[in-house]
Each structure stands twice: as C-alpha cells, then as structure tokens.
Amino acid sequence: MAVATGQLDAVTDAEVFQELLYRYLHLQQREKGFLIFDTFYEVMRGRVLPIADVDVERARQLAERYPHLSPRDLLHLAVMLNHGIPDIVTADTDFDAVPDVRRLDPVQFVATIL
C-alpha cells in the first residue's frame, strides 16, 4: 500500500513474479495466484527490474560466498547489489547473513509505515 500511495519508493525484480506464479500454480490455486500476481504487478508497474546478464554472472559469483542462499535469493541479491539497493523486505532470514544487505521483516515493516 505504501508504494501505491507514494509513501515508499520501492522496486522489485522479475524473479519475484516467477516465484508468485510457481508457488500458486504448484499449489493448484490458480485464481488466487493470478489475483495476487495481478495486484502486485499493478502496484509495481514501472518498478520491475529485469534479470540481466550481469545479474546472472554476479549470482554465480555470490553462490561461492553465500552457499546458504537459494538460487532465487542469489538472483535477488545480485540485482540488489548491481543496482545499489541495500534493503530488502522479506521474511527470509537467510538474508541476515549477508553483510551488504539490511533485511526488513514484512510484519515489522508494515507496522512502521502504518
């Protein structure tokens, strides 16, 4: 909501949309997944960063430094670092071990902007 109202300047990357589709299609909750996907896309329209060649290459390099991160998280991290984005809103505590990143828990984050 904070992004939609202009209270917060935020971006996401294309991989997040793949994750949404994968999760809800895998759970056979297509309609719910489509609603979440479409709503999130409307809020983030024009704020979606691509996964570029440099991000793929950096994700591979980061895999050696952060073996505990999943391939998806490595791509997110690569995009963040390549774009100078220090903060991530996620419940994924694996990001806590990355010194260049500040993880903001979604529940706590929402409480700070309300």
Protein backbone atom coordinates (compact mmCIF):
# COMPACT_ATOMS: atom_id res chain seq x y z
CA MET A 1 0.00 0.00 0.00
CA ALA A 2 2.82 2.41 0.83
CA VAL A 3 4.21 2.02 -2.70
CA ALA A 4 0.79 2.51 -4.27
CA THR A 5 0.19 5.71 -2.29
CA GLY A 6 3.66 7.09 -2.93
CA GLN A 7 4.79 6.84 0.71
CA LEU A 8 7.53 4.41 -0.25
CA ASP A 9 9.84 4.30 -3.24
CA ALA A 10 10.44 0.61 -3.93
CA VAL A 11 11.36 -1.77 -6.71
CA THR A 12 11.13 -5.49 -7.26
CA ASP A 13 12.70 -7.80 -9.79
CA ALA A 14 11.18 -10.04 -12.43
CA GLU A 15 12.10 -13.16 -10.49
CA VAL A 16 9.52 -12.27 -7.82
CA PHE A 17 6.75 -12.69 -10.39
CA GLN A 18 8.11 -16.09 -11.39
CA GLU A 19 8.07 -17.07 -7.72
CA LEU A 20 4.45 -15.99 -7.34
CA LEU A 21 3.32 -17.95 -10.37
CA TYR A 22 5.34 -21.00 -9.41
CA ARG A 23 4.01 -21.07 -5.85
CA TYR A 24 0.33 -20.69 -6.60
CA LEU A 25 0.29 -22.86 -9.73
CA HIS A 26 2.16 -25.56 -7.80
CA LEU A 27 -0.46 -25.36 -5.03
CA GLN A 28 -3.18 -25.53 -7.69
CA GLN A 29 -4.53 -22.18 -6.53
CA ARG A 30 -4.52 -20.54 -9.94
CA GLU A 31 -7.19 -17.90 -9.38
CA LYS A 32 -5.72 -16.80 -6.05
CA GLY A 33 -2.25 -16.72 -7.61
CA PHE A 34 -3.45 -14.70 -10.58
CA LEU A 35 -5.16 -12.20 -8.27
CA ILE A 36 -2.01 -11.76 -6.16
CA PHE A 37 0.19 -11.57 -9.26
CA ASP A 38 -2.05 -9.01 -10.99
CA THR A 39 -2.46 -6.86 -7.89
CA PHE A 40 1.26 -6.83 -7.16
CA TYR A 41 2.02 -6.04 -10.80
CA GLU A 42 -0.39 -3.09 -10.78
CA VAL A 43 1.33 -1.68 -7.68
CA MET A 44 4.83 -2.30 -9.05
CA ARG A 45 4.21 -1.35 -12.71
CA GLY A 46 7.26 0.55 -13.93
CA ARG A 47 9.25 -0.57 -10.87
CA VAL A 48 10.21 -4.08 -12.03
CA LEU A 49 13.91 -4.61 -12.56
CA PRO A 50 14.94 -7.20 -15.14
CA ILE A 51 17.32 -10.06 -14.55
CA ALA A 52 20.21 -9.06 -16.81
CA ASP A 53 23.37 -10.87 -17.89
CA VAL A 54 25.39 -9.03 -15.24
CA ASP A 55 22.95 -10.23 -12.57
CA VAL A 56 23.25 -13.84 -13.69
CA GLU A 57 27.03 -13.61 -13.65
CA ARG A 58 27.06 -11.95 -10.22
CA ALA A 59 24.64 -14.52 -8.80
CA ARG A 60 27.11 -17.22 -9.79
CA GLN A 61 29.92 -15.37 -8.03
CA LEU A 62 27.76 -14.81 -4.94
CA ALA A 63 26.95 -18.53 -4.79
CA GLU A 64 30.52 -19.18 -3.67
CA ARG A 65 30.38 -16.52 -0.98
CA TYR A 66 26.86 -17.34 0.27
CA PRO A 67 26.29 -21.10 -0.10
CA HIS A 68 23.26 -20.93 2.21
CA LEU A 69 21.26 -18.79 -0.24
CA SER A 70 18.91 -20.42 -2.72
CA PRO A 71 19.40 -19.79 -6.44
CA ARG A 72 16.41 -17.42 -6.43
CA ASP A 73 17.80 -15.50 -3.48
CA LEU A 74 21.17 -15.26 -5.21
CA LEU A 75 19.47 -13.64 -8.20
CA HIS A 76 17.61 -11.20 -5.95
CA LEU A 77 20.85 -10.36 -4.16
CA ALA A 78 22.72 -9.85 -7.43
CA VAL A 79 20.05 -7.46 -8.70
CA MET A 80 20.12 -5.57 -5.40
CA LEU A 81 23.90 -5.22 -5.36
CA ASN A 82 24.11 -4.30 -9.04
CA HIS A 83 21.54 -1.54 -8.52
CA GLY A 84 22.87 -0.30 -5.18
CA ILE A 85 19.79 -1.40 -3.25
CA PRO A 86 20.71 -2.04 0.40
CA ASP A 87 17.31 -3.03 1.84
CA ILE A 88 15.03 -5.98 1.22
CA VAL A 89 11.58 -6.58 2.67
CA THR A 90 11.39 -10.33 3.22
CA ALA A 91 10.67 -12.91 5.88
CA ASP A 92 13.59 -14.94 4.53
CA THR A 93 16.12 -14.87 7.36
CA ASP A 94 18.87 -16.23 5.07
CA PHE A 95 19.48 -12.61 4.05
CA ASP A 96 20.51 -11.81 7.64
CA ALA A 97 23.91 -13.41 6.94
CA VAL A 98 24.61 -11.02 4.05
CA PRO A 99 26.53 -8.03 5.43
CA ASP A 100 25.76 -5.74 2.47
CA VAL A 101 22.00 -6.11 2.97
CA ARG A 102 19.55 -4.95 5.59
CA ARG A 103 16.58 -7.32 5.84
CA LEU A 104 13.30 -5.78 6.90
CA ASP A 105 10.75 -8.26 8.21
CA PRO A 106 7.43 -7.67 6.41
CA VAL A 107 5.33 -7.70 9.59
CA GLN A 108 7.60 -5.24 11.39
CA PHE A 109 7.97 -3.16 8.24
CA VAL A 110 4.22 -2.78 7.79
CA ALA A 111 3.88 -1.73 11.43
CA THR A 112 6.40 1.09 10.90
CA ILE A 113 4.54 2.61 7.96
CA LEU A 114 1.01 2.42 9.39
